[in-house]
Amino acid sequence: MKQSSAIGVFDSGVGGLSVLRELRVALPLESFIYVADSAHIPYGEKSRQYIEARARAIAGFMLQRGVKALVVACNTATAAAVAPLRSAFQVPIIGMEPGVKPAAQLSRSGVVGVLATPGTLASGKFAALLQRHAGAAQVIVQGCPGLVEQIERGDIDGLHTRALVQRYVEPLLERGADTLVLGCTHYPFVAKLIRDAAGPAVKLVETGAAVARELKRRLIAEHLLTAQPAPGVEDFWTSGDPRSVAPVVAMLWTRAVEVRRLPE
């Protein structure tokens, strides 16, 4: 591995861009390869074996391109595949987990709501997370079918997206949640809608910045921080149709980008 090598980041689609933007802030001189596995979205309704196979394929592609670290910018993929990826590959691999611990610490009512995909909520990794970090807090979970797909279409403020957010947030508020965990990397892109639905007194917790801090710590510990003086660049790929994915990436990344098709 070379200090000048890029860092690989992948998600089931464009949601991991919310993590990539935090990585870019924390590590402005690093370069990144981002893969949106758009042809296989959503991960939240796929089997663990299916997600693991996709994660291995994408990790293999990135390692062929010489990445020095890998960020699994997807809660569902982390739950299904981060352990086998770490067993199979030698580079530092950073995963995601919903921010239950900070949410439990922030909550005044003692009731925390978690918005996530069905795959994340059904995973053993999530159950273990609750056991470790929920403490005395009551944690209420809410699956959000259809919300990822809306964001993948670039619909982050339309009427149907607003209706979905309202439908998923209301039951958590009715049960007393005063802190909401955004347990999917897509959801920060509809954080404004979630705030509108929840009201100003409810706190939102996302974990992209924490992942960026952990990646930086690992790079420093393993002497892998780049020595390049120039700002890093991003290289975008998708398993889907770049013609439909690129406009959504450009909208969420807030500038025009080239998106290339992932080799089969």
C-alpha atoms as a PDB file:
ATOM      1  CA  MET A   1       0.000   0.000   0.000  1.00  0.00           C
ATOM      2  CA  LYS A   2       1.210   3.483  -0.860  1.00  0.00           C
ATOM      3  CA  GLN A   3       0.474   6.658   1.068  1.00  0.00           C
ATOM      4  CA  SER A   4      -0.535   8.280  -2.225  1.00  0.00           C
ATOM      5  CA  SER A   5      -3.117   5.580  -3.005  1.00  0.00           C
ATOM      6  CA  ALA A   6      -6.839   6.361  -2.972  1.00  0.00           C
ATOM      7  CA  ILE A   7      -9.357   5.265  -0.341  1.00  0.00           C
ATOM      8  CA  GLY A   8     -12.286   3.112  -1.462  1.00  0.00           C
ATOM      9  CA  VAL A   9     -15.840   3.983  -0.388  1.00  0.00           C
ATOM     10  CA  PHE A  10     -18.953   2.058  -1.384  1.00  0.00           C
ATOM     11  CA  ASP A  11     -22.667   1.904  -0.742  1.00  0.00           C
ATOM     12  CA  SER A  12     -25.691   0.228  -2.270  1.00  0.00           C
ATOM     13  CA  GLY A  13     -26.254   3.502  -4.121  1.00  0.00           C
ATOM     14  CA  VAL A  14     -25.774   7.225  -3.615  1.00  0.00           C
ATOM     15  CA  GLY A  15     -26.397   7.272   0.151  1.00  0.00           C
ATOM     16  CA  GLY A  16     -22.730   6.814   0.977  1.00  0.00           C
ATOM     17  CA  LEU A  17     -22.095  10.256  -0.505  1.00  0.00           C
ATOM     18  CA  SER A  18     -23.247  11.598   2.872  1.00  0.00           C
ATOM     19  CA  VAL A  19     -20.266   9.780   4.387  1.00  0.00           C
ATOM     20  CA  LEU A  20     -17.926  10.780   1.551  1.00  0.00           C
ATOM     21  CA  ARG A  21     -18.621  14.461   2.194  1.00  0.00           C
ATOM     22  CA  GLU A  22     -17.523  14.013   5.825  1.00  0.00           C
ATOM     23  CA  LEU A  23     -14.428  12.120   4.680  1.00  0.00           C
ATOM     24  CA  ARG A  24     -13.608  14.956   2.297  1.00  0.00           C
ATOM     25  CA  VAL A  25     -13.855  17.524   5.117  1.00  0.00           C
ATOM     26  CA  ALA A  26     -11.687  15.484   7.491  1.00  0.00           C
ATOM     27  CA  LEU A  27      -9.155  14.395   4.854  1.00  0.00           C
ATOM     28  CA  PRO A  28      -8.943  17.129   2.208  1.00  0.00           C
ATOM     29  CA  LEU A  29      -5.677  15.856   0.683  1.00  0.00           C
ATOM     30  CA  GLU A  30      -6.815  12.246   0.225  1.00  0.00           C
ATOM     31  CA  SER A  31      -8.261  10.847  -3.003  1.00  0.00           C
ATOM     32  CA  PHE A  32     -11.312   8.590  -3.037  1.00  0.00           C
ATOM     33  CA  ILE A  33     -12.866   5.966  -5.282  1.00  0.00           C
ATOM     34  CA  TYR A  34     -16.637   5.817  -4.750  1.00  0.00           C
ATOM     35  CA  VAL A  35     -18.780   2.919  -5.969  1.00  0.00           C
ATOM     36  CA  ALA A  36     -22.585   3.110  -6.023  1.00  0.00           C
ATOM     37  CA  ASP A  37     -23.917  -0.435  -6.431  1.00  0.00           C
ATOM     38  CA  SER A  38     -27.036   0.990  -8.046  1.00  0.00           C
ATOM     39  CA  ALA A  39     -27.907  -2.100 -10.095  1.00  0.00           C
ATOM     40  CA  HIS A  40     -28.430  -4.050  -6.877  1.00  0.00           C
ATOM     41  CA  ILE A  41     -30.245  -1.528  -4.708  1.00  0.00           C
ATOM     42  CA  PRO A  42     -31.863  -1.699  -2.188  1.00  0.00           C
ATOM     43  CA  TYR A  43     -29.623  -3.782   0.060  1.00  0.00           C
ATOM     44  CA  GLY A  44     -32.103  -3.525   2.925  1.00  0.00           C
ATOM     45  CA  GLU A  45     -34.347  -6.211   1.423  1.00  0.00           C
ATOM     46  CA  LYS A  46     -31.572  -8.564   0.211  1.00  0.00           C
ATOM     47  CA  SER A  47     -30.189 -11.628   1.993  1.00  0.00           C
ATOM     48  CA  ARG A  48     -26.974 -11.471   3.979  1.00  0.00           C
ATOM     49  CA  GLN A  49     -25.316 -13.815   1.477  1.00  0.00           C
ATOM     50  CA  TYR A  50     -26.294 -11.606  -1.462  1.00  0.00           C
ATOM     51  CA  ILE A  51     -24.963  -8.457   0.191  1.00  0.00           C
ATOM     52  CA  GLU A  52     -21.735 -10.193   1.209  1.00  0.00           C
ATOM     53  CA  ALA A  53     -21.170 -11.325  -2.385  1.00  0.00           C
ATOM     54  CA  ARG A  54     -21.666  -7.779  -3.674  1.00  0.00           C
ATOM     55  CA  ALA A  55     -19.368  -6.352  -1.010  1.00  0.00           C
ATOM     56  CA  ARG A  56     -16.632  -8.836  -1.897  1.00  0.00           C
ATOM     57  CA  ALA A  57     -16.945  -8.039  -5.606  1.00  0.00           C
ATOM     58  CA  ILE A  58     -16.753  -4.282  -5.038  1.00  0.00           C
ATOM     59  CA  ALA A  59     -13.889  -4.604  -2.562  1.00  0.00           C
ATOM     60  CA  GLY A  60     -12.026  -6.743  -5.084  1.00  0.00           C
ATOM     61  CA  PHE A  61     -12.494  -4.104  -7.777  1.00  0.00           C
ATOM     62  CA  MET A  62     -11.187  -1.380  -5.497  1.00  0.00           C
ATOM     63  CA  LEU A  63      -8.208  -3.387  -4.322  1.00  0.00           C
ATOM     64  CA  GLN A  64      -7.288  -4.076  -7.944  1.00  0.00           C
ATOM     65  CA  ARG A  65      -7.118  -0.304  -8.285  1.00  0.00           C
ATOM     66  CA  GLY A  66      -4.738  -0.155  -5.336  1.00  0.00           C
ATOM     67  CA  VAL A  67      -6.822   1.415  -2.553  1.00  0.00           C
ATOM     68  CA  LYS A  68      -5.071   1.702   0.809  1.00  0.00           C
ATOM     69  CA  ALA A  69      -8.255   1.549   2.934  1.00  0.00           C
ATOM     70  CA  LEU A  70     -11.921   0.752   2.478  1.00  0.00           C
ATOM     71  CA  VAL A  71     -15.004   2.423   3.951  1.00  0.00           C
ATOM     72  CA  VAL A  72     -18.232   0.436   3.888  1.00  0.00           C
ATOM     73  CA  ALA A  73     -20.502   3.501   3.773  1.00  0.00           C
ATOM     74  CA  CYS A  74     -23.684   1.511   4.295  1.00  0.00           C
ATOM     75  CA  ASN A  75     -25.175   0.259   7.562  1.00  0.00           C
ATOM     76  CA  THR A  76     -26.810  -2.771   5.936  1.00  0.00           C
ATOM     77  CA  ALA A  77     -23.627  -3.820   4.121  1.00  0.00           C
ATOM     78  CA  THR A  78     -21.599  -3.338   7.302  1.00  0.00           C
ATOM     79  CA  ALA A  79     -23.945  -5.598   9.239  1.00  0.00           C
ATOM     80  CA  ALA A  80     -23.834  -8.290   6.561  1.00  0.00           C
ATOM     81  CA  ALA A  81     -20.304  -8.120   5.230  1.00  0.00           C
ATOM     82  CA  VAL A  82     -17.730  -6.140   7.230  1.00  0.00           C
ATOM     83  CA  ALA A  83     -16.520  -9.169   9.222  1.00  0.00           C
ATOM     84  CA  PRO A  84     -15.883 -11.381   6.160  1.00  0.00           C
ATOM     85  CA  LEU A  85     -14.280  -8.447   4.336  1.00  0.00           C
ATOM     86  CA  ARG A  86     -11.858  -7.946   7.213  1.00  0.00           C
ATOM     87  CA  SER A  87     -11.031 -11.654   7.156  1.00  0.00           C
ATOM     88  CA  ALA A  88     -10.435 -11.644   3.407  1.00  0.00           C
ATOM     89  CA  PHE A  89      -8.499  -8.406   2.907  1.00  0.00           C
ATOM     90  CA  GLN A  90      -5.537  -6.839   4.690  1.00  0.00           C
ATOM     91  CA  VAL A  91      -6.269  -3.118   4.254  1.00  0.00           C
ATOM     92  CA  PRO A  92      -7.973  -1.100   7.030  1.00  0.00           C
ATOM     93  CA  ILE A  93     -11.745  -1.507   6.655  1.00  0.00           C
ATOM     94  CA  ILE A  94     -14.081   0.948   8.378  1.00  0.00           C
ATOM     95  CA  GLY A  95     -17.786   0.174   8.706  1.00  0.00           C
ATOM     96  CA  MET A  96     -20.932   1.982   9.824  1.00  0.00           C
ATOM     97  CA  GLU A  97     -23.278   1.477  12.716  1.00  0.00           C
ATOM     98  CA  PRO A  98     -26.320   3.494  13.799  1.00  0.00           C
ATOM     99  CA  GLY A  99     -25.494   6.098  16.455  1.00  0.00           C
ATOM    100  CA  VAL A 100     -27.401   4.468  19.307  1.00  0.00           C
ATOM    101  CA  LYS A 101     -24.768   5.303  21.942  1.00  0.00           C
ATOM    102  CA  PRO A 102     -24.640   9.084  21.335  1.00  0.00           C
ATOM    103  CA  ALA A 103     -28.425   9.167  20.933  1.00  0.00           C
ATOM    104  CA  ALA A 104     -28.943   7.460  24.288  1.00  0.00           C
ATOM    105  CA  GLN A 105     -26.622  10.003  25.886  1.00  0.00           C
ATOM    106  CA  LEU A 106     -28.438  12.942  24.264  1.00  0.00           C
ATOM    107  CA  SER A 107     -31.996  11.839  25.024  1.00  0.00           C
ATOM    108  CA  ARG A 108     -33.810  13.623  27.827  1.00  0.00           C
ATOM    109  CA  SER A 109     -36.936  11.479  27.660  1.00  0.00           C
ATOM    110  CA  GLY A 110     -34.974   8.225  27.642  1.00  0.00           C
ATOM    111  CA  VAL A 111     -36.705   7.192  24.406  1.00  0.00           C
ATOM    112  CA  VAL A 112     -34.650   6.925  21.210  1.00  0.00           C
ATOM    113  CA  GLY A 113     -36.051   6.238  17.754  1.00  0.00           C
ATOM    114  CA  VAL A 114     -34.005   4.524  15.040  1.00  0.00           C
ATOM    115  CA  LEU A 115     -34.874   4.983  11.367  1.00  0.00           C
ATOM    116  CA  ALA A 116     -33.179   2.301   9.268  1.00  0.00           C
ATOM    117  CA  THR A 117     -33.623  -0.295   6.547  1.00  0.00           C
ATOM    118  CA  PRO A 118     -35.261  -3.628   7.401  1.00  0.00           C
ATOM    119  CA  GLY A 119     -31.920  -5.363   6.733  1.00  0.00           C
ATOM    120  CA  THR A 120     -30.079  -3.290   9.307  1.00  0.00           C
ATOM    121  CA  LEU A 121     -32.769  -3.681  11.944  1.00  0.00           C
ATOM    122  CA  ALA A 122     -32.978  -7.471  11.488  1.00  0.00           C
ATOM    123  CA  SER A 123     -29.225  -8.027  11.752  1.00  0.00           C
ATOM    124  CA  GLY A 124     -27.433  -9.635  14.648  1.00  0.00           C
ATOM    125  CA  LYS A 125     -24.943  -6.781  14.544  1.00  0.00           C
ATOM    126  CA  PHE A 126     -27.712  -4.288  15.314  1.00  0.00           C
ATOM    127  CA  ALA A 127     -29.042  -6.456  18.152  1.00  0.00           C
ATOM    128  CA  ALA A 128     -25.534  -6.561  19.625  1.00  0.00           C
ATOM    129  CA  LEU A 129     -25.232  -2.793  19.230  1.00  0.00           C
ATOM    130  CA  LEU A 130     -28.395  -2.271  21.271  1.00  0.00           C
ATOM    131  CA  GLN A 131     -27.169  -4.620  23.967  1.00  0.00           C
ATOM    132  CA  ARG A 132     -23.838  -2.765  24.226  1.00  0.00           C
ATOM    133  CA  HIS A 133     -24.919   0.837  23.975  1.00  0.00           C
ATOM    134  CA  ALA A 134     -28.637   1.387  24.623  1.00  0.00           C
ATOM    135  CA  GLY A 135     -28.106   1.463  28.365  1.00  0.00           C
ATOM    136  CA  ALA A 136     -31.242   2.568  30.195  1.00  0.00           C
ATOM    137  CA  ALA A 137     -32.749   4.127  27.071  1.00  0.00           C
ATOM    138  CA  GLN A 138     -35.796   2.638  25.425  1.00  0.00           C
ATOM    139  CA  VAL A 139     -34.947   2.163  21.744  1.00  0.00           C
ATOM    140  CA  ILE A 140     -37.813   2.066  19.249  1.00  0.00           C
ATOM    141  CA  VAL A 141     -37.019   0.968  15.717  1.00  0.00           C
ATOM    142  CA  GLN A 142     -38.760   1.954  12.499  1.00  0.00           C
ATOM    143  CA  GLY A 143     -38.072   0.350   9.137  1.00  0.00           C
ATOM    144  CA  CYS A 144     -38.426   2.724   6.205  1.00  0.00           C
ATOM    145  CA  PRO A 145     -39.299   0.766   3.043  1.00  0.00           C
ATOM    146  CA  GLY A 146     -39.267   2.879  -0.086  1.00  0.00           C
ATOM    147  CA  LEU A 147     -37.314   5.830   1.304  1.00  0.00           C
ATOM    148  CA  VAL A 148     -33.950   4.746  -0.108  1.00  0.00           C
ATOM    149  CA  GLU A 149     -35.524   4.340  -3.541  1.00  0.00           C
ATOM    150  CA  GLN A 150     -36.897   7.891  -3.442  1.00  0.00           C
ATOM    151  CA  ILE A 151     -33.472   9.294  -2.630  1.00  0.00           C
ATOM    152  CA  GLU A 152     -31.907   7.179  -5.380  1.00  0.00           C
ATOM    153  CA  ARG A 153     -34.270   8.881  -7.820  1.00  0.00           C
ATOM    154  CA  GLY A 154     -33.056  12.248  -6.588  1.00  0.00           C
ATOM    155  CA  ASP A 155     -36.431  13.009  -4.991  1.00  0.00           C
ATOM    156  CA  ILE A 156     -35.324  14.460  -1.661  1.00  0.00           C
ATOM    157  CA  ASP A 157     -38.168  16.931  -1.107  1.00  0.00           C
ATOM    158  CA  GLY A 158     -41.140  15.761  -3.198  1.00  0.00           C
ATOM    159  CA  LEU A 159     -44.624  15.094  -1.874  1.00  0.00           C
ATOM    160  CA  HIS A 160     -44.259  11.302  -1.857  1.00  0.00           C
ATOM    161  CA  THR A 161     -40.915  11.487  -0.047  1.00  0.00           C
ATOM    162  CA  ARG A 162     -42.393  13.889   2.504  1.00  0.00           C
ATOM    163  CA  ALA A 163     -45.325  11.524   3.040  1.00  0.00           C
ATOM    164  CA  LEU A 164     -42.997   8.569   3.619  1.00  0.00           C
ATOM    165  CA  VAL A 165     -40.905  10.530   6.124  1.00  0.00           C
ATOM    166  CA  GLN A 166     -44.036  11.656   7.976  1.00  0.00           C
ATOM    167  CA  ARG A 167     -45.333   8.071   8.061  1.00  0.00           C
ATOM    168  CA  TYR A 168     -42.116   6.746   9.576  1.00  0.00           C
ATOM    169  CA  VAL A 169     -41.385   9.559  12.029  1.00  0.00           C
ATOM    170  CA  GLU A 170     -44.860   9.938  13.566  1.00  0.00           C
ATOM    171  CA  PRO A 171     -44.980   6.551  15.384  1.00  0.00           C
ATOM    172  CA  LEU A 172     -41.636   7.293  17.041  1.00  0.00           C
ATOM    173  CA  LEU A 173     -42.818  10.682  18.276  1.00  0.00           C
ATOM    174  CA  GLU A 174     -46.087   9.210  19.524  1.00  0.00           C
ATOM    175  CA  ARG A 175     -44.083   6.852  21.752  1.00  0.00           C
ATOM    176  CA  GLY A 176     -42.041   9.695  23.236  1.00  0.00           C
ATOM    177  CA  ALA A 177     -38.817   9.671  21.226  1.00  0.00           C
ATOM    178  CA  ASP A 178     -36.933  12.953  21.539  1.00  0.00           C
ATOM    179  CA  THR A 179     -33.844  11.767  19.643  1.00  0.00           C
ATOM    180  CA  LEU A 180     -33.838  10.103  16.229  1.00  0.00           C
ATOM    181  CA  VAL A 181     -30.973   8.053  14.814  1.00  0.00           C
ATOM    182  CA  LEU A 182     -30.509   8.182  11.048  1.00  0.00           C
ATOM    183  CA  GLY A 183     -29.527   4.540  10.646  1.00  0.00           C
ATOM    184  CA  CYS A 184     -29.002   4.589   6.883  1.00  0.00           C
ATOM    185  CA  THR A 185     -26.471   6.698   5.005  1.00  0.00           C
ATOM    186  CA  HIS A 186     -29.172   7.801   2.559  1.00  0.00           C
ATOM    187  CA  TYR A 187     -31.230   9.501   5.265  1.00  0.00           C
ATOM    188  CA  PRO A 188     -29.041  12.576   5.885  1.00  0.00           C
ATOM    189  CA  PHE A 189     -30.139  13.730   2.438  1.00  0.00           C
ATOM    190  CA  VAL A 190     -33.712  14.019   3.751  1.00  0.00           C
ATOM    191  CA  ALA A 191     -32.696  15.340   7.183  1.00  0.00           C
ATOM    192  CA  LYS A 192     -34.588  18.571   6.533  1.00  0.00           C
ATOM    193  CA  LEU A 193     -37.805  16.610   5.919  1.00  0.00           C
ATOM    194  CA  ILE A 194     -37.181  14.577   9.070  1.00  0.00           C
ATOM    195  CA  ARG A 195     -36.656  17.785  11.079  1.00  0.00           C
ATOM    196  CA  ASP A 196     -39.833  19.255   9.598  1.00  0.00           C
ATOM    197  CA  ALA A 197     -41.774  16.140  10.623  1.00  0.00           C
ATOM    198  CA  ALA A 198     -40.192  15.823  14.070  1.00  0.00           C
ATOM    199  CA  GLY A 199     -40.071  19.460  15.151  1.00  0.00           C
ATOM    200  CA  PRO A 200     -37.201  21.569  16.485  1.00  0.00           C
ATOM    201  CA  ALA A 201     -37.055  19.923  19.920  1.00  0.00           C
ATOM    202  CA  VAL A 202     -36.113  16.511  18.508  1.00  0.00           C
ATOM    203  CA  LYS A 203     -32.397  15.847  17.949  1.00  0.00           C
ATOM    204  CA  LEU A 204     -31.079  13.947  14.921  1.00  0.00           C
ATOM    205  CA  VAL A 205     -27.996  11.739  15.145  1.00  0.00           C
ATOM    206  CA  GLU A 206     -25.951  10.663  12.116  1.00  0.00           C
ATOM    207  CA  THR A 207     -22.535   9.025  12.097  1.00  0.00           C
ATOM    208  CA  GLY A 208     -20.651  10.149   8.978  1.00  0.00           C
ATOM    209  CA  ALA A 209     -18.357  12.475  10.923  1.00  0.00           C
ATOM    210  CA  ALA A 210     -17.517   9.725  13.424  1.00  0.00           C
ATOM    211  CA  VAL A 211     -16.574   7.394  10.572  1.00  0.00           C
ATOM    212  CA  ALA A 212     -14.324  10.109   9.124  1.00  0.00           C
ATOM    213  CA  ARG A 213     -12.573  10.520  12.489  1.00  0.00           C
ATOM    214  CA  GLU A 214     -12.045   6.765  12.778  1.00  0.00           C
ATOM    215  CA  LEU A 215     -10.652   6.500   9.255  1.00  0.00           C
ATOM    216  CA  LYS A 216      -8.236   9.358   9.919  1.00  0.00           C
ATOM    217  CA  ARG A 217      -7.132   7.707  13.158  1.00  0.00           C
ATOM    218  CA  ARG A 218      -6.452   4.412  11.369  1.00  0.00           C
ATOM    219  CA  LEU A 219      -4.527   6.082   8.552  1.00  0.00           C
ATOM    220  CA  ILE A 220      -2.328   7.917  11.061  1.00  0.00           C
ATOM    221  CA  ALA A 221      -1.765   4.768  13.135  1.00  0.00           C
ATOM    222  CA  GLU A 222      -0.698   2.784  10.066  1.00  0.00           C
ATOM    223  CA  HIS A 223       1.350   5.612   8.520  1.00  0.00           C
ATOM    224  CA  LEU A 224      -0.925   5.787   5.487  1.00  0.00           C
ATOM    225  CA  LEU A 225      -1.837   9.481   5.400  1.00  0.00           C
ATOM    226  CA  THR A 226      -0.970  10.969   2.046  1.00  0.00           C
ATOM    227  CA  ALA A 227       2.062  13.205   1.755  1.00  0.00           C
ATOM    228  CA  GLN A 228       0.674  14.861  -1.380  1.00  0.00           C
ATOM    229  CA  PRO A 229       0.319  18.649  -0.916  1.00  0.00           C
ATOM    230  CA  ALA A 230      -2.502  19.094  -3.450  1.00  0.00           C
ATOM    231  CA  PRO A 231      -6.204  18.564  -2.687  1.00  0.00           C
ATOM    232  CA  GLY A 232      -7.436  15.041  -3.373  1.00  0.00           C
ATOM    233  CA  VAL A 233      -9.849  14.017  -6.119  1.00  0.00           C
ATOM    234  CA  GLU A 234     -12.882  11.736  -6.343  1.00  0.00           C
ATOM    235  CA  ASP A 235     -13.448   8.955  -8.867  1.00  0.00           C
ATOM    236  CA  PHE A 236     -17.085   7.807  -9.199  1.00  0.00           C
ATOM    237  CA  TRP A 237     -18.314   4.413 -10.434  1.00  0.00           C
ATOM    238  CA  THR A 238     -21.666   2.611 -10.542  1.00  0.00           C
ATOM    239  CA  SER A 239     -22.945  -0.847 -11.371  1.00  0.00           C
ATOM    240  CA  GLY A 240     -26.075   0.837 -12.742  1.00  0.00           C
ATOM    241  CA  ASP A 241     -26.583   3.072 -15.746  1.00  0.00           C
ATOM    242  CA  PRO A 242     -24.232   6.065 -15.455  1.00  0.00           C
ATOM    243  CA  ARG A 243     -26.662   8.168 -17.495  1.00  0.00           C
ATOM    244  CA  SER A 244     -29.263   7.949 -14.732  1.00  0.00           C
ATOM    245  CA  VAL A 245     -26.903   7.777 -11.744  1.00  0.00           C
ATOM    246  CA  ALA A 246     -24.646  10.716 -12.669  1.00  0.00           C
ATOM    247  CA  PRO A 247     -27.327  13.441 -12.378  1.00  0.00           C
ATOM    248  CA  VAL A 248     -28.290  12.245  -8.886  1.00  0.00           C
ATOM    249  CA  VAL A 249     -24.645  12.057  -7.783  1.00  0.00           C
ATOM    250  CA  ALA A 250     -24.092  15.569  -9.176  1.00  0.00           C
ATOM    251  CA  MET A 251     -27.116  16.901  -7.303  1.00  0.00           C
ATOM    252  CA  LEU A 252     -26.098  15.372  -3.967  1.00  0.00           C
ATOM    253  CA  TRP A 253     -22.387  16.109  -4.421  1.00  0.00           C
ATOM    254  CA  THR A 254     -23.354  19.634  -5.551  1.00  0.00           C
ATOM    255  CA  ARG A 255     -21.198  19.666  -8.656  1.00  0.00           C
ATOM    256  CA  ALA A 256     -21.071  17.913 -12.020  1.00  0.00           C
ATOM    257  CA  VAL A 257     -19.101  14.651 -11.988  1.00  0.00           C
ATOM    258  CA  GLU A 258     -18.229  11.844 -14.358  1.00  0.00           C
ATOM    259  CA  VAL A 259     -19.643   8.488 -13.311  1.00  0.00           C
ATOM    260  CA  ARG A 260     -18.249   5.377 -14.985  1.00  0.00           C
ATOM    261  CA  ARG A 261     -19.796   1.929 -15.244  1.00  0.00           C
ATOM    262  CA  LEU A 262     -18.330  -0.741 -12.990  1.00  0.00           C
ATOM    263  CA  PRO A 263     -16.804  -3.635 -14.968  1.00  0.00           C
ATOM    264  CA  GLU A 264     -18.876  -6.815 -14.860  1.00  0.00           C
END
